[in-house]
């Protein structure tokens, strides 16, 4: 059986003008969504979103909706492929109340990164 955090996820984004309703075409933000992880109860999905060249941590209900940004730390911007991504989601705390992610927010280089949690 495939692990839910490793399968390609299909998310439905509701149109911001009709929040909470699935009317018309779904709303999509342009950019990358990476490292998606389901919460322990399966109700939410945390992921690293790269919109406008900056990587941040987001969460979205697993049934669809508008992504909510959880981190607001400046990212070093597009990095060479060998360095990976900043604010990379690693998972959830066992109680599902916080997202675990790696960030270089307190360092100069991605090699100075540490693990953090955000509720």
C-alpha atoms as a PDB file:
ATOM      1  CA  UNK A   1       0.000   0.000   0.000  1.00  0.00           C
ATOM      2  CA  UNK A   2       1.340   3.435  -0.937  1.00  0.00           C
ATOM      3  CA  UNK A   3       1.960   5.890   1.862  1.00  0.00           C
ATOM      4  CA  UNK A   4      -0.409   8.890   1.647  1.00  0.00           C
ATOM      5  CA  UNK A   5       2.464  11.383   1.953  1.00  0.00           C
ATOM      6  CA  UNK A   6       4.207   9.861  -1.060  1.00  0.00           C
ATOM      7  CA  UNK A   7       1.343   9.727  -3.497  1.00  0.00           C
ATOM      8  CA  UNK A   8       0.670  12.533  -5.922  1.00  0.00           C
ATOM      9  CA  UNK A   9      -1.962  14.674  -4.275  1.00  0.00           C
ATOM     10  CA  UNK A  10      -4.930  16.231  -5.997  1.00  0.00           C
ATOM     11  CA  UNK A  11      -6.125  19.273  -4.110  1.00  0.00           C
ATOM     12  CA  UNK A  12      -9.205  21.293  -4.840  1.00  0.00           C
ATOM     13  CA  UNK A  13      -8.809  24.999  -4.289  1.00  0.00           C
ATOM     14  CA  UNK A  14     -12.037  26.917  -3.917  1.00  0.00           C
ATOM     15  CA  UNK A  15     -12.451  30.202  -5.681  1.00  0.00           C
ATOM     16  CA  UNK A  16     -11.609  32.981  -3.206  1.00  0.00           C
ATOM     17  CA  UNK A  17     -14.725  34.926  -4.241  1.00  0.00           C
ATOM     18  CA  UNK A  18     -16.883  31.939  -3.277  1.00  0.00           C
ATOM     19  CA  UNK A  19     -14.928  30.664  -0.270  1.00  0.00           C
ATOM     20  CA  UNK A  20     -16.450  27.482   1.074  1.00  0.00           C
ATOM     21  CA  UNK A  21     -18.366  26.742  -2.140  1.00  0.00           C
ATOM     22  CA  UNK A  22     -17.226  24.819  -5.190  1.00  0.00           C
ATOM     23  CA  UNK A  23     -18.588  27.163  -7.853  1.00  0.00           C
ATOM     24  CA  UNK A  24     -16.961  27.545 -11.222  1.00  0.00           C
ATOM     25  CA  UNK A  25     -13.388  26.547 -11.969  1.00  0.00           C
ATOM     26  CA  UNK A  26     -11.163  25.812  -8.978  1.00  0.00           C
ATOM     27  CA  UNK A  27      -8.717  28.500  -7.879  1.00  0.00           C
ATOM     28  CA  UNK A  28      -5.038  27.592  -8.212  1.00  0.00           C
ATOM     29  CA  UNK A  29      -2.029  29.561  -7.112  1.00  0.00           C
ATOM     30  CA  UNK A  30       0.797  29.468  -9.622  1.00  0.00           C
ATOM     31  CA  UNK A  31       3.994  27.972  -8.305  1.00  0.00           C
ATOM     32  CA  UNK A  32       5.240  24.735  -6.820  1.00  0.00           C
ATOM     33  CA  UNK A  33       3.710  22.682  -4.014  1.00  0.00           C
ATOM     34  CA  UNK A  34       6.238  20.249  -2.550  1.00  0.00           C
ATOM     35  CA  UNK A  35       6.785  17.813   0.352  1.00  0.00           C
ATOM     36  CA  UNK A  36       3.095  17.322   1.144  1.00  0.00           C
ATOM     37  CA  UNK A  37       2.364  15.532   4.437  1.00  0.00           C
ATOM     38  CA  UNK A  38      -1.017  14.496   5.813  1.00  0.00           C
ATOM     39  CA  UNK A  39      -1.805  15.366   9.434  1.00  0.00           C
ATOM     40  CA  UNK A  40      -2.129  12.350  11.778  1.00  0.00           C
ATOM     41  CA  UNK A  41      -5.944  12.583  11.650  1.00  0.00           C
ATOM     42  CA  UNK A  42      -5.941  13.008   7.849  1.00  0.00           C
ATOM     43  CA  UNK A  43      -7.884  16.280   7.957  1.00  0.00           C
ATOM     44  CA  UNK A  44      -5.107  18.600   6.751  1.00  0.00           C
ATOM     45  CA  UNK A  45      -2.148  18.591   4.394  1.00  0.00           C
ATOM     46  CA  UNK A  46       0.981  20.627   5.142  1.00  0.00           C
ATOM     47  CA  UNK A  47       3.303  21.451   2.272  1.00  0.00           C
ATOM     48  CA  UNK A  48       6.109  23.707   1.145  1.00  0.00           C
ATOM     49  CA  UNK A  49       4.771  26.201  -1.377  1.00  0.00           C
ATOM     50  CA  UNK A  50       7.019  28.154  -3.694  1.00  0.00           C
ATOM     51  CA  UNK A  51       5.009  31.105  -4.970  1.00  0.00           C
ATOM     52  CA  UNK A  52       6.881  34.029  -6.466  1.00  0.00           C
ATOM     53  CA  UNK A  53      10.262  32.369  -5.844  1.00  0.00           C
ATOM     54  CA  UNK A  54       9.920  32.204  -2.048  1.00  0.00           C
ATOM     55  CA  UNK A  55       9.355  28.945  -0.147  1.00  0.00           C
ATOM     56  CA  UNK A  56       6.996  28.980   2.834  1.00  0.00           C
ATOM     57  CA  UNK A  57       4.980  26.442   4.843  1.00  0.00           C
ATOM     58  CA  UNK A  58       1.266  26.164   4.042  1.00  0.00           C
ATOM     59  CA  UNK A  59      -1.634  23.998   5.209  1.00  0.00           C
ATOM     60  CA  UNK A  60      -4.842  23.119   3.389  1.00  0.00           C
ATOM     61  CA  UNK A  61      -7.823  20.950   4.400  1.00  0.00           C
ATOM     62  CA  UNK A  62      -7.512  17.539   2.762  1.00  0.00           C
ATOM     63  CA  UNK A  63     -10.979  17.974   1.245  1.00  0.00           C
ATOM     64  CA  UNK A  64      -9.906  21.147  -0.539  1.00  0.00           C
ATOM     65  CA  UNK A  65      -9.969  24.840   0.197  1.00  0.00           C
ATOM     66  CA  UNK A  66      -7.693  27.847   0.199  1.00  0.00           C
ATOM     67  CA  UNK A  67      -4.114  27.240   1.409  1.00  0.00           C
ATOM     68  CA  UNK A  68      -3.210  29.089   4.614  1.00  0.00           C
ATOM     69  CA  UNK A  69       0.375  30.354   4.955  1.00  0.00           C
ATOM     70  CA  UNK A  70       2.004  29.407   8.277  1.00  0.00           C
ATOM     71  CA  UNK A  71       5.518  30.861   7.922  1.00  0.00           C
ATOM     72  CA  UNK A  72       6.529  34.346   6.860  1.00  0.00           C
ATOM     73  CA  UNK A  73      10.332  34.140   7.064  1.00  0.00           C
ATOM     74  CA  UNK A  74      12.319  35.469   4.115  1.00  0.00           C
ATOM     75  CA  UNK A  75      13.715  32.565   2.143  1.00  0.00           C
ATOM     76  CA  UNK A  76      17.141  32.808   0.524  1.00  0.00           C
ATOM     77  CA  UNK A  77      15.271  32.535  -2.771  1.00  0.00           C
ATOM     78  CA  UNK A  78      15.836  30.078  -5.555  1.00  0.00           C
ATOM     79  CA  UNK A  79      18.819  27.957  -4.600  1.00  0.00           C
ATOM     80  CA  UNK A  80      20.973  25.705  -6.749  1.00  0.00           C
ATOM     81  CA  UNK A  81      19.386  22.248  -7.103  1.00  0.00           C
ATOM     82  CA  UNK A  82      22.003  20.641  -4.859  1.00  0.00           C
ATOM     83  CA  UNK A  83      20.849  22.747  -1.870  1.00  0.00           C
ATOM     84  CA  UNK A  84      17.184  21.795  -2.058  1.00  0.00           C
ATOM     85  CA  UNK A  85      14.480  24.038  -0.644  1.00  0.00           C
ATOM     86  CA  UNK A  86      14.163  26.240   2.427  1.00  0.00           C
ATOM     87  CA  UNK A  87      11.194  25.890   4.817  1.00  0.00           C
ATOM     88  CA  UNK A  88      10.856  22.232   3.830  1.00  0.00           C
ATOM     89  CA  UNK A  89       7.976  20.377   5.488  1.00  0.00           C
ATOM     90  CA  UNK A  90       9.075  17.165   7.217  1.00  0.00           C
ATOM     91  CA  UNK A  91       5.813  16.142   8.899  1.00  0.00           C
ATOM     92  CA  UNK A  92       3.550  16.802  11.859  1.00  0.00           C
ATOM     93  CA  UNK A  93       3.882  16.497  15.604  1.00  0.00           C
ATOM     94  CA  UNK A  94       2.223  13.278  16.864  1.00  0.00           C
ATOM     95  CA  UNK A  95      -0.761  15.214  18.245  1.00  0.00           C
ATOM     96  CA  UNK A  96      -1.288  16.943  14.870  1.00  0.00           C
ATOM     97  CA  UNK A  97      -1.215  20.446  16.377  1.00  0.00           C
ATOM     98  CA  UNK A  98       2.004  21.648  14.713  1.00  0.00           C
ATOM     99  CA  UNK A  99       3.937  21.193  11.477  1.00  0.00           C
ATOM    100  CA  UNK A 100       7.610  20.172  11.600  1.00  0.00           C
ATOM    101  CA  UNK A 101       9.827  21.897   9.027  1.00  0.00           C
ATOM    102  CA  UNK A 102      13.480  22.629   8.271  1.00  0.00           C
ATOM    103  CA  UNK A 103      14.528  26.250   7.817  1.00  0.00           C
ATOM    104  CA  UNK A 104      17.665  28.346   7.490  1.00  0.00           C
ATOM    105  CA  UNK A 105      15.895  31.343   9.023  1.00  0.00           C
ATOM    106  CA  UNK A 106      18.473  31.725  11.818  1.00  0.00           C
ATOM    107  CA  UNK A 107      21.506  31.066   9.635  1.00  0.00           C
ATOM    108  CA  UNK A 108      23.210  32.378   6.557  1.00  0.00           C
ATOM    109  CA  UNK A 109      23.288  29.209   4.451  1.00  0.00           C
ATOM    110  CA  UNK A 110      20.898  26.305   4.034  1.00  0.00           C
ATOM    111  CA  UNK A 111      23.602  24.164   5.676  1.00  0.00           C
ATOM    112  CA  UNK A 112      22.908  26.196   8.859  1.00  0.00           C
ATOM    113  CA  UNK A 113      19.295  24.997   8.892  1.00  0.00           C
ATOM    114  CA  UNK A 114      17.472  23.628  11.935  1.00  0.00           C
ATOM    115  CA  UNK A 115      14.148  21.954  12.628  1.00  0.00           C
ATOM    116  CA  UNK A 116      11.224  24.091  13.819  1.00  0.00           C
ATOM    117  CA  UNK A 117       7.532  23.661  14.505  1.00  0.00           C
ATOM    118  CA  UNK A 118       4.687  26.029  13.685  1.00  0.00           C
ATOM    119  CA  UNK A 119       1.088  25.618  14.919  1.00  0.00           C
END
